[in-house]
């Protein structure tokens, strides 16, 4: 089962660790942490169209889709919720 997260990017649903809303209060500190640890390039900034952040076991993706939309698609694909959000 795969999830389209935007910009021709499709990821395997089993690799998803978390889907975060861009407006979350922890996002600025998480971006700093990810920059320090090399998870995202130092020069990375949130794209203006970013509405959510998808964290997988391998990479971090900035998605133009709302976190609620991505979660709904995961539920629809699998027939039931695969995550406890």
N, C-alpha and C. Protein backbone atom coordinates (compact mmCIF):
# COMPACT_ATOMS: atom_id res chain seq x y z
N UNK A 1 0.84 -1.16 0.00
CA UNK A 1 0.00 0.00 0.00
C UNK A 1 0.90 1.24 0.00
N UNK A 2 0.59 2.16 -0.89
CA UNK A 2 1.41 3.36 -1.07
C UNK A 2 0.57 4.61 -0.86
N UNK A 3 1.25 5.69 -0.52
CA UNK A 3 0.59 6.97 -0.29
C UNK A 3 1.28 8.05 -1.11
N UNK A 4 0.49 8.78 -1.89
CA UNK A 4 1.01 9.90 -2.67
C UNK A 4 1.07 11.11 -1.73
N UNK A 5 2.27 11.67 -1.54
CA UNK A 5 2.42 12.80 -0.62
C UNK A 5 2.68 14.11 -1.36
N UNK A 6 2.61 14.09 -2.69
CA UNK A 6 2.77 15.31 -3.48
C UNK A 6 4.03 15.31 -4.31
N UNK A 7 4.05 16.19 -5.32
CA UNK A 7 5.22 16.37 -6.19
C UNK A 7 5.76 15.06 -6.74
N UNK A 8 4.89 14.24 -7.29
CA UNK A 8 5.28 12.96 -7.88
C UNK A 8 6.01 12.05 -6.89
N UNK A 9 5.74 12.21 -5.63
CA UNK A 9 6.39 11.41 -4.59
C UNK A 9 5.38 10.44 -3.98
N UNK A 10 5.69 9.16 -4.07
CA UNK A 10 4.84 8.12 -3.51
C UNK A 10 5.69 7.31 -2.54
N UNK A 11 5.17 7.10 -1.34
CA UNK A 11 5.94 6.36 -0.33
C UNK A 11 5.15 5.15 0.14
N UNK A 12 5.87 4.16 0.60
CA UNK A 12 5.26 2.94 1.12
C UNK A 12 4.67 3.25 2.49
N UNK A 13 3.40 2.95 2.67
CA UNK A 13 2.70 3.30 3.90
C UNK A 13 3.34 2.66 5.13
N UNK A 14 3.90 1.48 4.98
CA UNK A 14 4.48 0.81 6.15
C UNK A 14 5.73 1.53 6.67
N UNK A 15 6.32 2.40 5.85
CA UNK A 15 7.51 3.14 6.26
C UNK A 15 7.19 4.44 7.00
N UNK A 16 5.91 4.82 7.04
CA UNK A 16 5.53 6.08 7.67
C UNK A 16 5.61 5.95 9.19
N UNK A 17 6.32 6.88 9.80
CA UNK A 17 6.45 6.93 11.25
C UNK A 17 5.45 7.92 11.83
N UNK A 18 5.30 9.08 11.16
CA UNK A 18 4.38 10.11 11.65
C UNK A 18 3.99 11.05 10.53
N UNK A 19 2.80 11.64 10.68
CA UNK A 19 2.34 12.70 9.80
C UNK A 19 2.01 13.88 10.71
N UNK A 20 2.73 14.98 10.52
CA UNK A 20 2.59 16.14 11.40
C UNK A 20 1.98 17.32 10.65
N UNK A 21 1.14 18.07 11.33
CA UNK A 21 0.59 19.30 10.78
C UNK A 21 1.67 20.37 10.80
N UNK A 22 1.81 21.10 9.73
CA UNK A 22 2.86 22.12 9.64
C UNK A 22 2.72 23.18 10.72
N UNK A 23 1.50 23.45 11.15
CA UNK A 23 1.26 24.52 12.11
C UNK A 23 1.48 24.08 13.56
N UNK A 24 1.96 22.87 13.76
CA UNK A 24 2.22 22.38 15.10
C UNK A 24 3.27 23.23 15.82
N UNK A 25 3.12 23.38 17.11
CA UNK A 25 4.02 24.25 17.87
C UNK A 25 5.44 23.70 17.95
N UNK A 26 5.63 22.41 17.75
CA UNK A 26 6.97 21.81 17.84
C UNK A 26 7.74 21.85 16.53
N UNK A 27 7.13 22.25 15.45
CA UNK A 27 7.76 22.19 14.13
C UNK A 27 9.07 22.98 14.05
N UNK A 28 9.14 24.24 14.53
CA UNK A 28 10.42 24.96 14.43
C UNK A 28 11.57 24.24 15.14
N UNK A 29 11.32 23.70 16.33
CA UNK A 29 12.40 23.00 17.04
C UNK A 29 12.73 21.67 16.35
N UNK A 30 11.74 21.01 15.77
CA UNK A 30 12.01 19.78 15.03
C UNK A 30 12.86 20.06 13.78
N UNK A 31 12.56 21.16 13.08
CA UNK A 31 13.36 21.52 11.91
C UNK A 31 14.81 21.78 12.29
N UNK A 32 15.03 22.47 13.40
CA UNK A 32 16.40 22.71 13.88
C UNK A 32 17.10 21.39 14.18
N UNK A 33 16.40 20.49 14.86
CA UNK A 33 16.96 19.19 15.20
C UNK A 33 17.31 18.40 13.94
N UNK A 34 16.38 18.37 12.98
CA UNK A 34 16.62 17.62 11.74
C UNK A 34 17.78 18.22 10.96
N UNK A 35 17.94 19.55 11.00
CA UNK A 35 19.09 20.19 10.35
C UNK A 35 20.39 19.74 11.01
N UNK A 36 20.42 19.76 12.34
CA UNK A 36 21.63 19.38 13.08
C UNK A 36 22.01 17.93 12.85
N UNK A 37 21.02 17.05 12.76
CA UNK A 37 21.29 15.62 12.63
C UNK A 37 21.43 15.17 11.17
N UNK A 38 21.25 16.10 10.23
CA UNK A 38 21.41 15.77 8.83
C UNK A 38 20.23 15.08 8.18
N UNK A 39 19.09 15.05 8.84
CA UNK A 39 17.90 14.42 8.26
C UNK A 39 17.38 15.24 7.08
N UNK A 40 17.57 16.56 7.14
CA UNK A 40 17.24 17.44 6.03
C UNK A 40 18.43 18.36 5.82
N UNK A 41 18.64 18.82 4.60
CA UNK A 41 19.78 19.72 4.35
C UNK A 41 19.70 20.99 5.19
N UNK A 42 20.85 21.50 5.56
CA UNK A 42 20.94 22.71 6.39
C UNK A 42 20.15 23.86 5.79
N UNK A 43 20.15 23.95 4.47
CA UNK A 43 19.49 25.07 3.81
C UNK A 43 17.98 24.86 3.64
N UNK A 44 17.47 23.73 4.10
CA UNK A 44 16.05 23.44 3.92
C UNK A 44 15.17 24.38 4.72
N UNK A 45 14.18 24.88 4.04
CA UNK A 45 13.13 25.66 4.69
C UNK A 45 11.81 25.05 4.25
N UNK A 46 10.78 25.27 5.03
CA UNK A 46 9.48 24.73 4.64
C UNK A 46 9.01 25.41 3.36
N UNK A 47 8.65 24.64 2.35
CA UNK A 47 8.12 25.24 1.13
C UNK A 47 6.83 26.00 1.46
N UNK A 48 6.53 27.05 0.73
CA UNK A 48 5.33 27.84 1.02
C UNK A 48 4.04 27.03 0.91
N UNK A 49 4.04 25.99 0.07
CA UNK A 49 2.83 25.19 -0.09
C UNK A 49 2.76 24.01 0.88
N UNK A 50 3.71 23.89 1.78
CA UNK A 50 3.75 22.78 2.73
C UNK A 50 2.64 22.90 3.76
N UNK A 51 1.83 21.84 3.86
CA UNK A 51 0.76 21.80 4.86
C UNK A 51 1.01 20.73 5.92
N UNK A 52 1.86 19.76 5.58
CA UNK A 52 2.16 18.71 6.54
C UNK A 52 3.56 18.17 6.30
N UNK A 53 4.06 17.46 7.31
CA UNK A 53 5.38 16.85 7.24
C UNK A 53 5.20 15.36 7.47
N UNK A 54 5.71 14.56 6.55
CA UNK A 54 5.60 13.11 6.64
C UNK A 54 6.98 12.57 6.98
N UNK A 55 7.06 11.87 8.09
CA UNK A 55 8.32 11.29 8.54
C UNK A 55 8.27 9.79 8.27
N UNK A 56 9.28 9.31 7.55
CA UNK A 56 9.39 7.87 7.30
C UNK A 56 10.65 7.35 7.97
N UNK A 57 10.85 6.07 7.86
CA UNK A 57 12.04 5.47 8.46
C UNK A 57 13.32 5.94 7.78
N UNK A 58 13.22 6.42 6.55
CA UNK A 58 14.40 6.83 5.80
C UNK A 58 14.53 8.32 5.55
N UNK A 59 13.41 9.03 5.48
CA UNK A 59 13.46 10.41 5.00
C UNK A 59 12.31 11.23 5.57
N UNK A 60 12.42 12.55 5.41
CA UNK A 60 11.37 13.48 5.83
C UNK A 60 10.87 14.18 4.57
N UNK A 61 9.54 14.20 4.41
CA UNK A 61 8.92 14.80 3.23
C UNK A 61 8.05 15.97 3.64
N UNK A 62 8.07 17.04 2.84
CA UNK A 62 7.17 18.17 3.03
C UNK A 62 6.04 18.01 2.01
N UNK A 63 4.81 17.94 2.50
CA UNK A 63 3.68 17.66 1.62
C UNK A 63 2.75 18.87 1.48
N UNK A 64 2.23 19.09 0.27
CA UNK A 64 1.26 20.16 0.08
C UNK A 64 -0.14 19.77 0.53
N UNK A 65 -0.32 18.52 0.97
CA UNK A 65 -1.62 18.05 1.42
C UNK A 65 -1.74 18.18 2.94
N UNK A 66 -2.93 18.48 3.41
CA UNK A 66 -3.17 18.59 4.85
C UNK A 66 -2.95 17.23 5.50
N UNK A 67 -2.51 17.25 6.75
CA UNK A 67 -2.27 15.99 7.47
C UNK A 67 -3.55 15.18 7.57
N UNK A 68 -4.69 15.84 7.75
CA UNK A 68 -5.96 15.12 7.85
C UNK A 68 -6.29 14.41 6.53
N UNK A 69 -5.97 15.04 5.41
CA UNK A 69 -6.20 14.42 4.10
C UNK A 69 -5.33 13.18 3.92
N UNK A 70 -4.06 13.29 4.28
CA UNK A 70 -3.16 12.13 4.15
C UNK A 70 -3.63 10.98 5.04
N UNK A 71 -4.05 11.30 6.25
CA UNK A 71 -4.52 10.25 7.17
C UNK A 71 -5.79 9.60 6.63
N UNK A 72 -6.68 10.41 6.03
CA UNK A 72 -7.90 9.88 5.43
C UNK A 72 -7.57 8.92 4.29
N UNK A 73 -6.61 9.29 3.47
CA UNK A 73 -6.21 8.43 2.35
C UNK A 73 -5.63 7.11 2.87
N UNK A 74 -4.86 7.16 3.93
CA UNK A 74 -4.32 5.92 4.51
C UNK A 74 -5.45 5.02 4.99
N UNK A 75 -6.46 5.61 5.61
CA UNK A 75 -7.59 4.84 6.10
C UNK A 75 -8.36 4.24 4.93
N UNK A 76 -8.57 5.03 3.90
CA UNK A 76 -9.30 4.56 2.73
C UNK A 76 -8.57 3.43 2.01
N UNK A 77 -7.27 3.55 1.92
CA UNK A 77 -6.45 2.54 1.23
C UNK A 77 -6.54 1.21 1.97
N UNK A 78 -6.42 1.25 3.27
CA UNK A 78 -6.33 0.04 4.08
C UNK A 78 -7.69 -0.45 4.57
N UNK A 79 -8.71 0.40 4.52
CA UNK A 79 -10.02 0.02 5.00
C UNK A 79 -10.20 0.27 6.48
N UNK A 80 -9.14 0.54 7.18
CA UNK A 80 -9.21 0.91 8.59
C UNK A 80 -7.96 1.69 8.93
N UNK A 81 -8.00 2.35 10.06
CA UNK A 81 -6.86 3.19 10.43
C UNK A 81 -5.65 2.32 10.76
N UNK A 82 -4.52 2.66 10.15
CA UNK A 82 -3.30 1.91 10.42
C UNK A 82 -2.46 2.60 11.49
N UNK A 83 -2.86 3.81 11.86
CA UNK A 83 -2.13 4.58 12.85
C UNK A 83 -3.09 5.07 13.92
N UNK A 84 -2.58 5.30 15.10
CA UNK A 84 -3.37 5.89 16.17
C UNK A 84 -3.03 7.37 16.26
N UNK A 85 -3.74 8.20 15.51
CA UNK A 85 -3.48 9.64 15.52
C UNK A 85 -4.45 10.30 16.47
